[in-house]
Every structure is written in C-alpha cells, then in structure tokens.
Amino acid sequence: MGQVVRFLLGDESRELRDVDPTQTVLQWLRNDARLRGSKEGCAEGDCGACTVVVGRADRDGRMNYRAVNSCILFMPVLDGCQLLTVEHLQAADGTLHPAQQAMVHSHGSQCGFCTPGFVMSLFALYLTEGRPTRQRINDVLAGNLCRCTGYRPIVEAAVAMYDYDWQDPTLARAGETAQRLQTMRRSETLELAYGERRYFAPVTADGLAAVLADYPDTTLLAGGTDVGLWVTKRHMELDNVVYVGDVVELHGIEQHHDEVSIGAAVTHTDAMAVLGDHFPDFGELLRRFGSTLVRNSSTVGGNIANGSPIGDSMPVLIALGARLILRGPDGVREMPLEDYYIDYGKQDRRAGEFVERIRVPTLAVDEHFRCYKISKRFDQDISAVCAAFKVRLEDGSVADARTGFGGIAATPRRAMQTEDVLRGQPWSEATIERAEATLAAEFSPLTDMRASEEYRRLVTGRLLRKFYIETSQPESKTRVLAEEAEA
C-alpha cells in the first residue's frame, strides 16, 4: 500500500509523509506551505474566501479543473491532483492573470479579504468555459461572499476578463500536467498512519470492501462538505477515515431508456446536467442546493448516505422512485430509497456496507413531476420544506402517485396516506382538497428557526396544490415566469 501523498502544487511536485488525515488544505497552505493568499472566513464552505482550484486528469488524459473550498477539503484527498492557488496565477514575468487584472481595472477589490477567493472562482471559470452569460457568472460567484457589498464591479470583472489578449499558461501546460498526474495514479490503496489514526483511499470497490471489513466503524469520506465540518466546527477527531472518491466503480453516469444510474461518488456538478435534462425541476433545485464550490465537491451518494432530514436530494429521488444499491460483505443489496431511512441518524446500512449506485427511473410520457424548495434565502440555504410530487394520469384520473418530503420529519418521507387518497381519483380541485386535508394530518412537523409547525403544515399542502395547478393548467407556470421576467 502507498504511504505518501503525492500531488502538484502549481507545477512543483510534492510528496508528504506523516500527514494528519483531517488537516485541511487551507491549514496546510497557510501554516506549512506559507501560501497565505487563501483566507479563512467561515471554515465551513460558505464564504469562498478559501477558494482554490484542483485539477484532475481523467482517463483520457484531459485535465478537469474545479474551484473548491479548501477549508473543508482534507489534505490526503489531493493525492494525484494539481493544487492551484492565487499565488500561481500570474505569468513568469509578473503579468497578472486576466481574472486578477480585470478585478483591478473594475475596482472589484475593496477590503481585499474575499478577493483571492473571487479571483480563483473566476480563474476556474476562465479555464473551463467560454464567455458566460450574466446568470452563469452569478451562479459561479454565488459561493463567494463580499462583506463590503461590492458585487457589481466583481461581476463586471468576470465579463471583462475575456477581453484580454492572454495565452493561459495553465491551459498551455494541461497536456503535460495530465501526463505527470497519470504517473502518480495509484493502482493500490493509499494508507496513511498518523499516530494511532489511519487514512485509506482505495481505488477499487473490492479494495473499499476490504478496508471496511477490517475497519467496519471507519468514517466514510466522499466530498467532505459535511464530514469536513465535523472537524472544523465540531472539533471531532476521526480515528479512521476511508476516502471513496478514488474508487473507480463509484463514478460514472449511465443513461438507459428507462433509468439513470449514478455512481455514489459522482459530484452534484456532474449529476446536475444529466438529471436536469430528464427532470428540469430537479436541475433547478440542484442549482440552489449549494454553491458551485460546494457542488464541485459534494456527491450524490454522500448526500443520500448521511441521512439528514433536511437533505434536498432525497425527497426528490424518493418521489421519483429511486432505488439504492448497497455493497457489503454479504454481497449486493437493492432497496427503495425511502426504506434506507429508519429514524433520525439511523439508516439501513449494515457493518461493512457502502452505497454503490443510485438508480433513478426516467419519466414515462403520462407521468408528471415537480419539486419545490422553500427556504428563507433563495440560494444556498437549508430548506424549511422540500417537496416533490409525481403522478401518472390516465384519462384525467390519477393512476399512480408518489411524494417525497424533507424538513418536516426525522427522516425524508413519503406521504403514503395522501398518495392513497389521490390514486384512482379524478385529477381535480375536489381531489386536491381532500388530499390537502389528509396531508395536513399525516405529518407532525417541528418548529425551529427556519419555520413553525403551522407554516410547514400549511406550505406542504400549498405545494401540492401548486403541483396540481402546474400540471392541469400548464400555461399558468408560463404566465407566472413571464410576469416575473417583466418585473
């Protein structure tokens, strides 16, 4: 087993031994590498002051660059990657990168604390996309907060950076970088020892199963957008960590005529486009799910496996009829996603098991689907209520119905009684009124800082009615969107 973390810091090869498995990249940059352009603002992936760009070589030898939060990214995850910080942007002669120069010319830097993070998000955009729309710029920068409220000049800098005559050195060296990273690619499990603590990064599902057989109580690490906070905010010490992001079998999205199969380690960024094509509402919900920085790290399987009652993807997937594939010492199990959630903080995952794939049925021609997220802040906020609905209509009646709700119970839930009320009934106002009454009695929502029990009870029914209106009067949604655009 390999015992050294190998990566590129800019273009410089680095090998690290005796690495604390839960030391964050930001901590290492500032304290060990003495690269202090990246800042700590929140230590939880919310503000973007710590933004860096991580490059990975795919199997075809192409570089894939993503902006991520370094404050919740653990150092060993960089094994086989390239790490780029704001210090790596300018040319050898000192010429600033267009992302930097445009910030200067547009007066986009005020107190300056957040500026390196904005620059790195712009840099990643410059590397990966042509001239974007204003909406795309807003989406990319949504995870970078400016406490001086200076967003207008920063957005102007994002537009202007494409006007510079610039041959980007990072892109020019991308082929060479990919070759160097491919030479670092492991064919065996990375195992690090730090005192009594262990870190494992297997590269195959068999390797992952072997680690879990020896360490069944180890902490599974995927994107780290949740586990990272255990360390930075709750100050937990994790004795053993196994990283699943290098396991080949947990990647890949397969599209069939009747389903989409998603590897558990697929990021929300990679899943969003495919799921959005099949389920436009789901694509929009994922855009609001978290910032680009968060979606670049967070994984579909991780969001499902941790079982949070306020996770946004689970209610949607439950309503769609998704099924979970788990692999463990006794072989492979498959179950409806809703059966995975037993109680608060308790899931049906046996010792040594891990989530391998998620199977999501596509919609038939007579099926209608919508999902809704209600939160205090439109983007990047925890849901007060997340609701999803799917019905199959035949001759104006409900042949079948599925629902999914988050934020109103100890686990993501279906409203089974409400579904029974809908089935076999005309898709009508009278049916919806009866279903609303049933739904109001089916759950006992909590009251917390996000919403009261009364509000949650009311809004779940109103969302069901909204679904009915949008599916029975499709022109209503078009009219509302047009009115919002005019406003």
Protein backbone atom coordinates (compact mmCIF):
# COMPACT_ATOMS: atom_id res chain seq x y z
CA MET A 1 0.00 0.00 0.00
CA GLY A 2 1.17 3.53 -0.81
CA GLN A 3 2.03 5.70 2.18
CA VAL A 4 2.88 9.07 0.58
CA VAL A 5 0.54 11.82 -0.59
CA ARG A 6 1.82 12.95 -3.99
CA PHE A 7 0.47 15.98 -5.83
CA LEU A 8 1.46 19.06 -7.80
CA LEU A 9 1.49 22.42 -6.05
CA GLY A 10 1.28 24.61 -9.11
CA ASP A 11 3.90 22.89 -11.29
CA GLU A 12 6.04 21.71 -8.36
CA SER A 13 5.90 18.05 -7.32
CA ARG A 14 5.23 17.50 -3.63
CA GLU A 15 5.39 14.34 -1.52
CA LEU A 16 4.04 14.45 2.01
CA ARG A 17 4.56 11.88 4.73
CA ASP A 18 3.19 11.84 8.26
CA VAL A 19 0.07 13.70 7.15
CA ASP A 20 -2.76 14.32 9.59
CA PRO A 21 -5.70 12.73 7.72
CA THR A 22 -8.05 15.56 8.66
CA GLN A 23 -5.71 18.50 8.21
CA THR A 24 -7.45 20.80 5.75
CA VAL A 25 -5.83 22.07 2.59
CA LEU A 26 -6.29 25.62 3.86
CA GLN A 27 -4.45 24.84 7.08
CA TRP A 28 -1.59 23.26 5.15
CA LEU A 29 -1.36 26.15 2.69
CA ARG A 30 -1.20 28.82 5.36
CA ASN A 31 0.79 27.03 8.07
CA ASP A 32 3.10 24.69 6.15
CA ALA A 33 3.41 25.94 2.57
CA ARG A 34 3.33 29.59 3.70
CA LEU A 35 0.97 30.47 0.87
CA ARG A 36 -1.39 32.85 2.61
CA GLY A 37 -3.39 34.28 -0.24
CA SER A 38 -6.21 31.85 0.58
CA LYS A 39 -8.15 33.10 3.61
CA GLU A 40 -10.30 31.52 6.31
CA GLY A 41 -13.61 33.28 6.65
CA CYS A 42 -16.04 30.66 7.89
CA ALA A 43 -14.31 27.24 7.98
CA GLU A 44 -17.50 25.61 6.73
CA GLY A 45 -17.57 26.14 2.97
CA ASP A 46 -19.97 29.09 2.95
CA CYS A 47 -17.98 32.25 2.23
CA GLY A 48 -15.49 31.22 -0.50
CA ALA A 49 -12.53 33.19 0.89
CA CYS A 50 -10.54 29.95 0.87
CA THR A 51 -11.26 29.05 -2.78
CA VAL A 52 -8.60 27.09 -4.65
CA VAL A 53 -8.65 25.20 -7.94
CA VAL A 54 -7.99 21.46 -8.02
CA GLY A 55 -7.05 19.81 -11.30
CA ARG A 56 -7.53 16.13 -12.00
CA ALA A 57 -6.55 14.11 -15.07
CA ASP A 58 -9.32 11.96 -16.49
CA ARG A 59 -8.75 8.54 -18.03
CA ASP A 60 -8.44 10.10 -21.50
CA GLY A 61 -5.57 12.34 -20.42
CA ARG A 62 -7.54 15.58 -20.20
CA MET A 63 -7.40 17.96 -17.27
CA ASN A 64 -10.53 18.76 -15.32
CA TYR A 65 -10.29 21.93 -13.23
CA ARG A 66 -12.74 22.69 -10.42
CA ALA A 67 -12.92 25.50 -7.87
CA VAL A 68 -13.46 24.12 -4.35
CA ASN A 69 -13.47 25.23 -0.72
CA SER A 70 -10.07 24.42 0.77
CA CYS A 71 -11.30 24.98 4.34
CA ILE A 72 -13.18 21.65 4.39
CA LEU A 73 -11.02 19.65 1.95
CA PHE A 74 -8.66 17.21 3.68
CA MET A 75 -5.05 17.14 2.50
CA PRO A 76 -4.81 13.43 1.55
CA VAL A 77 -7.65 13.92 -0.96
CA LEU A 78 -5.14 15.86 -3.09
CA ASP A 79 -3.21 12.67 -3.85
CA GLY A 80 -2.74 12.52 -7.62
CA CYS A 81 -4.10 16.04 -8.18
CA GLN A 82 -2.83 19.51 -9.01
CA LEU A 83 -3.45 22.29 -6.49
CA LEU A 84 -3.59 25.87 -7.78
CA THR A 85 -3.84 28.92 -5.51
CA VAL A 86 -3.98 32.63 -6.18
CA GLU A 87 -0.17 32.69 -5.98
CA HIS A 88 0.04 30.55 -9.14
CA LEU A 89 -1.94 32.78 -11.48
CA GLN A 90 0.42 35.47 -12.69
CA ALA A 91 2.83 34.82 -15.59
CA ALA A 92 6.55 34.23 -15.10
CA ASP A 93 7.27 37.90 -15.91
CA GLY A 94 4.81 39.06 -13.24
CA THR A 95 1.93 39.87 -15.59
CA LEU A 96 -1.36 39.41 -13.79
CA HIS A 97 -3.86 36.84 -15.00
CA PRO A 98 -6.94 38.39 -16.69
CA ALA A 99 -9.04 37.37 -13.69
CA GLN A 100 -6.72 39.45 -11.49
CA GLN A 101 -6.22 42.35 -13.89
CA ALA A 102 -9.93 42.68 -14.54
CA MET A 103 -10.55 42.92 -10.80
CA VAL A 104 -8.03 45.76 -10.63
CA HIS A 105 -9.48 47.66 -13.59
CA SER A 106 -13.06 47.16 -12.42
CA HIS A 107 -12.26 48.20 -8.83
CA GLY A 108 -13.57 44.84 -7.69
CA SER A 109 -11.43 44.68 -4.56
CA GLN A 110 -12.43 46.69 -1.52
CA CYS A 111 -11.18 45.45 1.87
CA GLY A 112 -9.49 42.66 -0.13
CA PHE A 113 -10.15 39.79 2.25
CA CYS A 114 -12.51 37.99 -0.12
CA THR A 115 -10.66 38.98 -3.31
CA PRO A 116 -8.39 35.91 -3.69
CA GLY A 117 -11.42 33.63 -3.43
CA PHE A 118 -13.32 35.58 -6.08
CA VAL A 119 -10.27 35.56 -8.33
CA MET A 120 -9.94 31.78 -8.03
CA SER A 121 -13.60 31.22 -8.87
CA LEU A 122 -13.14 33.49 -11.91
CA PHE A 123 -9.95 31.64 -12.81
CA ALA A 124 -11.75 28.29 -12.81
CA LEU A 125 -14.48 29.80 -14.99
CA TYR A 126 -11.83 31.14 -17.38
CA LEU A 127 -10.17 27.72 -17.64
CA THR A 128 -13.31 25.73 -18.28
CA GLU A 129 -15.85 27.88 -20.13
CA GLY A 130 -16.07 30.42 -22.89
CA ARG A 131 -17.64 33.82 -22.36
CA PRO A 132 -20.54 33.09 -19.96
CA THR A 133 -23.93 34.74 -19.53
CA ARG A 134 -24.54 37.13 -16.65
CA GLN A 135 -26.71 34.48 -14.98
CA ARG A 136 -23.91 31.94 -15.25
CA ILE A 137 -21.48 34.42 -13.68
CA ASN A 138 -23.91 34.96 -10.82
CA ASP A 139 -24.20 31.20 -10.30
CA VAL A 140 -20.42 30.72 -10.30
CA LEU A 141 -19.88 33.54 -7.79
CA ALA A 142 -22.79 32.65 -5.52
CA GLY A 143 -20.42 30.82 -3.16
CA ASN A 144 -18.09 33.81 -2.75
CA LEU A 145 -19.31 36.42 -0.28
CA CYS A 146 -18.25 40.07 -0.31
CA ARG A 147 -18.95 41.67 3.04
CA CYS A 148 -18.27 45.11 1.52
CA THR A 149 -21.30 44.54 -0.78
CA GLY A 150 -19.22 45.14 -3.92
CA TYR A 151 -20.72 42.58 -6.28
CA ARG A 152 -21.36 44.84 -9.27
CA PRO A 153 -17.69 45.56 -10.08
CA ILE A 154 -16.80 41.91 -9.45
CA VAL A 155 -19.40 40.78 -11.97
CA GLU A 156 -18.06 43.41 -14.38
CA ALA A 157 -14.58 41.93 -13.90
CA ALA A 158 -15.96 38.48 -14.75
CA VAL A 159 -17.26 39.87 -18.03
CA ALA A 160 -14.13 41.91 -18.81
CA MET A 161 -11.54 39.18 -18.16
CA TYR A 162 -12.33 37.58 -21.53
CA ASP A 163 -11.32 40.76 -23.36
CA TYR A 164 -7.60 40.45 -22.55
CA ASP A 165 -5.13 39.02 -25.05
CA TRP A 166 -3.83 36.12 -22.98
CA GLN A 167 -2.39 32.70 -23.63
CA ASP A 168 -3.13 30.93 -20.39
CA PRO A 169 -0.06 29.01 -19.10
CA THR A 170 -2.19 26.54 -17.14
CA LEU A 171 -4.12 25.58 -20.26
CA ALA A 172 -0.94 25.55 -22.34
CA ARG A 173 0.62 23.02 -19.96
CA ALA A 174 -2.56 20.99 -19.43
CA GLY A 175 -1.39 18.04 -21.56
CA GLU A 176 1.95 17.85 -19.80
CA THR A 177 0.26 18.23 -16.41
CA ALA A 178 -2.13 15.39 -17.19
CA GLN A 179 0.78 13.11 -18.06
CA ARG A 180 2.54 13.96 -14.81
CA LEU A 181 -0.59 13.25 -12.80
CA GLN A 182 -1.16 9.98 -14.61
CA THR A 183 2.27 8.82 -13.50
CA MET A 184 1.13 9.47 -9.92
CA ARG A 185 -2.05 7.46 -10.33
CA ARG A 186 -2.14 4.61 -7.87
CA SER A 187 -3.17 1.04 -8.60
CA GLU A 188 -3.40 0.19 -4.92
CA THR A 189 -4.93 1.58 -1.74
CA LEU A 190 -3.28 4.61 -0.17
CA GLU A 191 -2.81 4.04 3.55
CA LEU A 192 -1.51 6.75 5.86
CA ALA A 193 -0.67 6.39 9.53
CA TYR A 194 -0.71 9.37 11.87
CA GLY A 195 -0.18 8.19 15.41
CA GLU A 196 -3.00 5.74 16.07
CA ARG A 197 -5.15 7.17 13.30
CA ARG A 198 -5.45 5.77 9.78
CA TYR A 199 -6.50 7.11 6.39
CA PHE A 200 -7.35 4.83 3.47
CA ALA A 201 -8.05 5.70 -0.16
CA PRO A 202 -8.86 2.52 -2.12
CA VAL A 203 -9.11 2.63 -5.90
CA THR A 204 -11.49 -0.30 -6.45
CA ALA A 205 -14.74 -1.45 -4.89
CA ASP A 206 -13.00 -4.65 -3.77
CA GLY A 207 -10.34 -2.55 -2.08
CA LEU A 208 -13.00 -0.48 -0.34
CA ALA A 209 -14.80 -3.61 0.81
CA ALA A 210 -11.52 -4.99 2.18
CA VAL A 211 -10.84 -1.83 4.20
CA LEU A 212 -14.37 -1.81 5.62
CA ALA A 213 -14.05 -5.48 6.55
CA ASP A 214 -11.01 -4.64 8.68
CA TYR A 215 -12.34 -1.28 9.92
CA PRO A 216 -16.16 -1.56 9.91
CA ASP A 217 -16.63 1.55 12.09
CA THR A 218 -14.44 3.82 9.98
CA THR A 219 -15.73 7.19 8.80
CA LEU A 220 -16.63 7.21 5.11
CA LEU A 221 -15.46 10.36 3.35
CA ALA A 222 -16.76 11.43 -0.04
CA GLY A 223 -16.95 15.14 -0.88
CA GLY A 224 -16.31 16.25 2.70
CA THR A 225 -18.88 19.04 2.63
CA ASP A 226 -20.45 17.51 5.73
CA VAL A 227 -17.61 15.50 7.29
CA GLY A 228 -15.28 18.48 6.91
CA LEU A 229 -17.49 20.45 9.29
CA TRP A 230 -17.30 17.69 11.87
CA VAL A 231 -13.62 18.58 12.14
CA THR A 232 -13.60 22.35 11.61
CA LYS A 233 -16.74 23.28 13.57
CA ARG A 234 -17.41 20.40 15.95
CA HIS A 235 -13.69 19.70 16.51
CA MET A 236 -14.16 15.95 16.23
CA GLU A 237 -11.14 13.67 15.99
CA LEU A 238 -11.77 10.94 13.46
CA ASP A 239 -9.72 7.86 14.26
CA ASN A 240 -10.06 6.14 10.90
CA VAL A 241 -11.13 7.66 7.60
CA VAL A 242 -11.69 5.91 4.28
CA TYR A 243 -11.99 8.13 1.20
CA VAL A 244 -14.28 6.74 -1.50
CA GLY A 245 -13.62 9.37 -4.18
CA ASP A 246 -10.89 7.33 -5.91
CA VAL A 247 -12.99 4.16 -6.26
CA VAL A 248 -13.49 3.70 -10.00
CA GLU A 249 -16.76 1.77 -9.70
CA LEU A 250 -18.39 4.60 -7.72
CA HIS A 251 -18.06 7.02 -10.63
CA GLY A 252 -19.86 7.29 -13.91
CA ILE A 253 -23.41 8.07 -15.01
CA GLU A 254 -25.20 5.54 -17.19
CA GLN A 255 -28.28 6.61 -19.13
CA HIS A 256 -30.72 3.95 -20.27
CA HIS A 257 -34.12 4.33 -21.88
CA ASP A 258 -35.93 3.78 -18.58
CA GLU A 259 -33.46 4.89 -15.90
CA VAL A 260 -30.38 6.91 -14.99
CA SER A 261 -27.77 5.04 -12.93
CA ILE A 262 -25.45 7.28 -10.90
CA GLY A 263 -22.28 6.23 -9.10
CA ALA A 264 -22.26 7.17 -5.43
CA ALA A 265 -19.09 9.28 -5.78
CA VAL A 266 -20.43 11.37 -8.69
CA THR A 267 -20.44 15.05 -7.74
CA HIS A 268 -23.57 17.15 -7.86
CA THR A 269 -21.91 19.26 -10.55
CA ASP A 270 -21.57 16.22 -12.81
CA ALA A 271 -25.01 14.87 -11.96
CA MET A 272 -26.84 18.18 -12.32
CA ALA A 273 -26.71 18.42 -16.11
CA VAL A 274 -27.92 14.85 -16.66
CA LEU A 275 -30.64 14.97 -14.02
CA GLY A 276 -31.68 18.41 -15.23
CA ASP A 277 -32.14 17.09 -18.75
CA HIS A 278 -34.52 14.39 -17.54
CA PHE A 279 -36.13 16.36 -14.69
CA PRO A 280 -35.82 20.15 -15.22
CA ASP A 281 -37.18 20.97 -11.76
CA PHE A 282 -34.54 18.73 -10.20
CA GLY A 283 -31.81 20.51 -12.14
CA GLU A 284 -33.01 23.86 -10.81
CA LEU A 285 -33.20 22.53 -7.26
CA LEU A 286 -29.62 21.29 -7.52
CA ARG A 287 -28.56 24.76 -8.71
CA ARG A 288 -29.97 26.09 -5.42
CA PHE A 289 -28.69 23.07 -3.46
CA GLY A 290 -25.35 24.74 -2.80
CA SER A 291 -22.77 26.96 -4.41
CA THR A 292 -20.72 25.86 -7.40
CA LEU A 293 -17.86 25.37 -4.94
CA VAL A 294 -19.95 23.01 -2.84
CA ARG A 295 -21.44 21.14 -5.81
CA ASN A 296 -17.93 20.60 -7.19
CA SER A 297 -17.11 18.54 -4.08
CA SER A 298 -20.38 17.17 -2.71
CA THR A 299 -21.53 13.80 -4.01
CA VAL A 300 -24.90 12.29 -4.78
CA GLY A 301 -24.16 9.22 -2.68
CA GLY A 302 -22.81 11.23 0.23
CA ASN A 303 -25.91 13.40 0.45
CA ILE A 304 -28.07 10.27 0.45
CA ALA A 305 -25.96 8.17 2.79
CA ASN A 306 -25.69 10.63 5.66
CA GLY A 307 -29.48 10.56 6.05
CA SER A 308 -30.03 14.19 7.03
CA PRO A 309 -33.75 15.01 7.36
CA ILE A 310 -33.09 18.29 5.54
CA GLY A 311 -31.04 16.92 2.65
CA ASP A 312 -32.61 18.22 -0.55
CA SER A 313 -31.89 15.41 -2.98
CA MET A 314 -33.56 12.60 -1.03
CA PRO A 315 -37.21 13.77 -1.15
CA VAL A 316 -36.88 14.31 -4.89
CA LEU A 317 -35.30 10.93 -5.52
CA ILE A 318 -37.88 9.22 -3.30
CA ALA A 319 -40.74 10.78 -5.28
CA LEU A 320 -39.08 9.63 -8.50
CA GLY A 321 -38.92 6.07 -7.19
CA ALA A 322 -35.14 5.84 -6.92
CA ARG A 323 -33.54 2.65 -5.70
CA LEU A 324 -30.31 2.28 -3.75
CA ILE A 325 -27.57 -0.26 -4.48
CA LEU A 326 -25.50 -1.21 -1.42
CA ARG A 327 -22.49 -3.49 -1.40
CA GLY A 328 -21.10 -5.27 1.62
CA PRO A 329 -19.62 -8.48 2.99
CA ASP A 330 -22.79 -10.41 2.16
CA GLY A 331 -22.96 -9.17 -1.42
CA VAL A 332 -25.14 -6.58 -3.11
CA ARG A 333 -28.49 -5.35 -1.80
CA GLU A 334 -31.04 -3.19 -3.60
CA MET A 335 -33.85 -1.31 -1.90
CA PRO A 336 -36.27 1.57 -2.46
CA LEU A 337 -34.54 4.72 -1.26
CA GLU A 338 -37.26 5.51 1.29
CA ASP A 339 -36.60 2.17 3.04
CA TYR A 340 -33.00 3.19 3.71
CA TYR A 341 -34.08 5.76 6.30
CA ILE A 342 -35.11 4.14 9.59
CA ASP A 343 -35.04 7.00 12.10
CA TYR A 344 -33.16 10.21 12.81
CA GLY A 345 -29.46 9.48 12.30
CA LYS A 346 -30.17 5.80 11.63
CA GLN A 347 -30.01 4.20 8.18
CA ASP A 348 -30.28 0.65 6.94
CA ARG A 349 -26.58 0.29 6.19
CA ARG A 350 -25.04 -2.79 7.72
CA ALA A 351 -21.50 -3.10 9.04
CA GLY A 352 -19.04 -3.02 6.15
CA GLU A 353 -21.62 -1.84 3.61
CA PHE A 354 -21.35 1.19 1.36
CA VAL A 355 -23.63 2.88 -1.15
CA GLU A 356 -22.51 1.89 -4.63
CA ARG A 357 -25.07 3.35 -7.06
CA ILE A 358 -28.41 5.09 -7.27
CA ARG A 359 -30.94 4.02 -9.90
CA VAL A 360 -33.43 6.71 -10.91
CA PRO A 361 -36.36 5.78 -13.19
CA THR A 362 -37.00 8.23 -16.02
CA LEU A 363 -40.48 9.62 -16.62
CA ALA A 364 -42.99 7.91 -18.84
CA VAL A 365 -45.00 10.02 -21.28
CA ASP A 366 -48.05 10.05 -18.98
CA GLU A 367 -46.10 10.94 -15.81
CA HIS A 368 -45.80 14.46 -14.39
CA PHE A 369 -43.17 15.57 -11.90
CA ARG A 370 -42.31 18.72 -9.96
CA CYS A 371 -40.16 19.54 -6.94
CA TYR A 372 -40.06 22.63 -4.74
CA LYS A 373 -37.66 24.07 -2.17
CA ILE A 374 -38.89 26.58 0.41
CA SER A 375 -36.18 28.43 2.31
CA LYS A 376 -35.61 31.85 3.85
CA ARG A 377 -32.83 32.64 1.39
CA PHE A 378 -33.32 31.62 -2.23
CA ASP A 379 -29.83 30.26 -2.90
CA GLN A 380 -27.65 28.07 -0.69
CA ASP A 381 -29.99 27.84 2.26
CA ILE A 382 -31.28 24.90 4.23
CA SER A 383 -34.84 24.01 3.32
CA ALA A 384 -37.71 24.71 5.65
CA VAL A 385 -39.64 22.33 3.39
CA CYS A 386 -38.55 20.38 0.34
CA ALA A 387 -41.37 18.64 -1.51
CA ALA A 388 -41.59 16.53 -4.66
CA PHE A 389 -44.58 15.03 -6.46
CA LYS A 390 -45.04 12.56 -9.29
CA VAL A 391 -48.36 11.42 -10.73
CA ARG A 392 -49.29 9.19 -13.61
CA LEU A 393 -52.52 10.30 -15.26
CA GLU A 394 -54.81 8.13 -17.35
CA ASP A 395 -57.97 9.65 -18.87
CA GLY A 396 -57.91 12.50 -16.38
CA SER A 397 -57.56 10.30 -13.30
CA VAL A 398 -54.59 9.51 -11.06
CA ALA A 399 -53.34 6.02 -11.93
CA ASP A 400 -50.43 6.33 -9.51
CA ALA A 401 -48.86 8.93 -7.20
CA ARG A 402 -45.60 9.30 -5.31
CA THR A 403 -44.47 12.03 -2.96
CA GLY A 404 -41.29 12.96 -1.11
CA PHE A 405 -40.86 15.43 1.74
CA GLY A 406 -37.83 16.78 3.60
CA GLY A 407 -37.57 19.11 6.57
CA ILE A 408 -40.82 18.03 8.23
CA ALA A 409 -39.92 14.70 9.87
CA ALA A 410 -36.97 12.89 11.41
CA THR A 411 -36.18 11.37 8.02
CA PRO A 412 -37.07 12.08 4.40
CA ARG A 413 -40.57 10.67 3.99
CA ARG A 414 -43.32 9.73 1.60
CA ALA A 415 -46.88 10.80 2.43
CA MET A 416 -48.38 7.36 1.92
CA GLN A 417 -51.90 8.21 3.12
CA THR A 418 -52.03 11.22 0.83
CA GLU A 419 -50.89 9.11 -2.09
CA ASP A 420 -53.74 6.65 -1.35
CA VAL A 421 -56.25 9.49 -1.39
CA LEU A 422 -55.00 10.59 -4.82
CA ARG A 423 -54.92 7.18 -6.51
CA GLY A 424 -57.90 6.31 -8.63
CA GLN A 425 -59.43 9.76 -8.28
CA PRO A 426 -60.03 12.46 -10.90
CA TRP A 427 -57.17 14.96 -11.15
CA SER A 428 -59.43 17.75 -9.94
CA GLU A 429 -59.85 20.54 -7.40
CA ALA A 430 -62.06 18.35 -5.21
CA THR A 431 -59.45 15.59 -5.10
CA ILE A 432 -56.71 18.06 -4.19
CA GLU A 433 -58.80 19.49 -1.36
CA ARG A 434 -59.22 16.02 0.15
CA ALA A 435 -55.50 15.29 -0.36
CA GLU A 436 -54.53 18.57 1.31
CA ALA A 437 -56.62 17.70 4.37
CA THR A 438 -55.02 14.26 4.55
CA LEU A 439 -51.53 15.68 4.16
CA ALA A 440 -52.13 18.20 6.95
CA ALA A 441 -52.93 15.35 9.34
CA GLU A 442 -50.27 12.92 8.11
CA PHE A 443 -47.21 14.74 9.46
CA SER A 444 -46.40 16.49 12.73
CA PRO A 445 -43.73 18.97 11.62
CA LEU A 446 -41.32 20.52 14.08
CA THR A 447 -40.92 24.20 14.92
CA ASP A 448 -37.41 25.62 14.67
CA MET A 449 -35.54 28.70 13.50
CA ARG A 450 -36.44 28.00 9.86
CA ALA A 451 -40.21 27.67 10.20
CA SER A 452 -43.01 26.93 12.61
CA GLU A 453 -45.06 23.74 12.66
CA GLU A 454 -48.07 25.71 11.43
CA TYR A 455 -46.13 27.17 8.49
CA ARG A 456 -44.71 23.81 7.46
CA ARG A 457 -48.12 22.17 7.65
CA LEU A 458 -49.66 24.93 5.55
CA VAL A 459 -46.92 25.10 2.92
CA THR A 460 -46.85 21.35 2.23
CA GLY A 461 -50.50 21.50 1.24
CA ARG A 462 -49.99 24.62 -0.83
CA LEU A 463 -47.15 22.95 -2.70
CA LEU A 464 -49.38 20.02 -3.54
CA ARG A 465 -51.94 22.49 -4.88
CA LYS A 466 -49.22 24.29 -6.83
CA PHE A 467 -48.27 20.96 -8.40
CA TYR A 468 -51.88 20.37 -9.39
CA ILE A 469 -52.19 23.82 -10.97
CA GLU A 470 -48.96 23.46 -12.92
CA THR A 471 -49.89 20.05 -14.27
CA SER A 472 -53.55 20.73 -15.00
CA GLN A 473 -53.04 24.30 -16.24
CA PRO A 474 -49.54 24.25 -17.78
CA GLU A 475 -49.99 27.75 -19.17
CA SER A 476 -50.11 29.06 -15.57
CA LYS A 477 -46.43 28.36 -14.99
CA THR A 478 -45.53 30.02 -18.27
CA ARG A 479 -47.58 33.07 -17.32
CA VAL A 480 -46.01 33.37 -13.86
CA LEU A 481 -42.46 33.05 -15.28
CA ALA A 482 -43.23 35.73 -17.87
CA GLU A 483 -44.61 38.08 -15.22
CA GLU A 484 -41.51 37.55 -13.06
CA ALA A 485 -39.24 38.27 -16.04
CA GLU A 486 -41.10 41.51 -16.82
CA ALA A 487 -40.87 42.60 -13.19
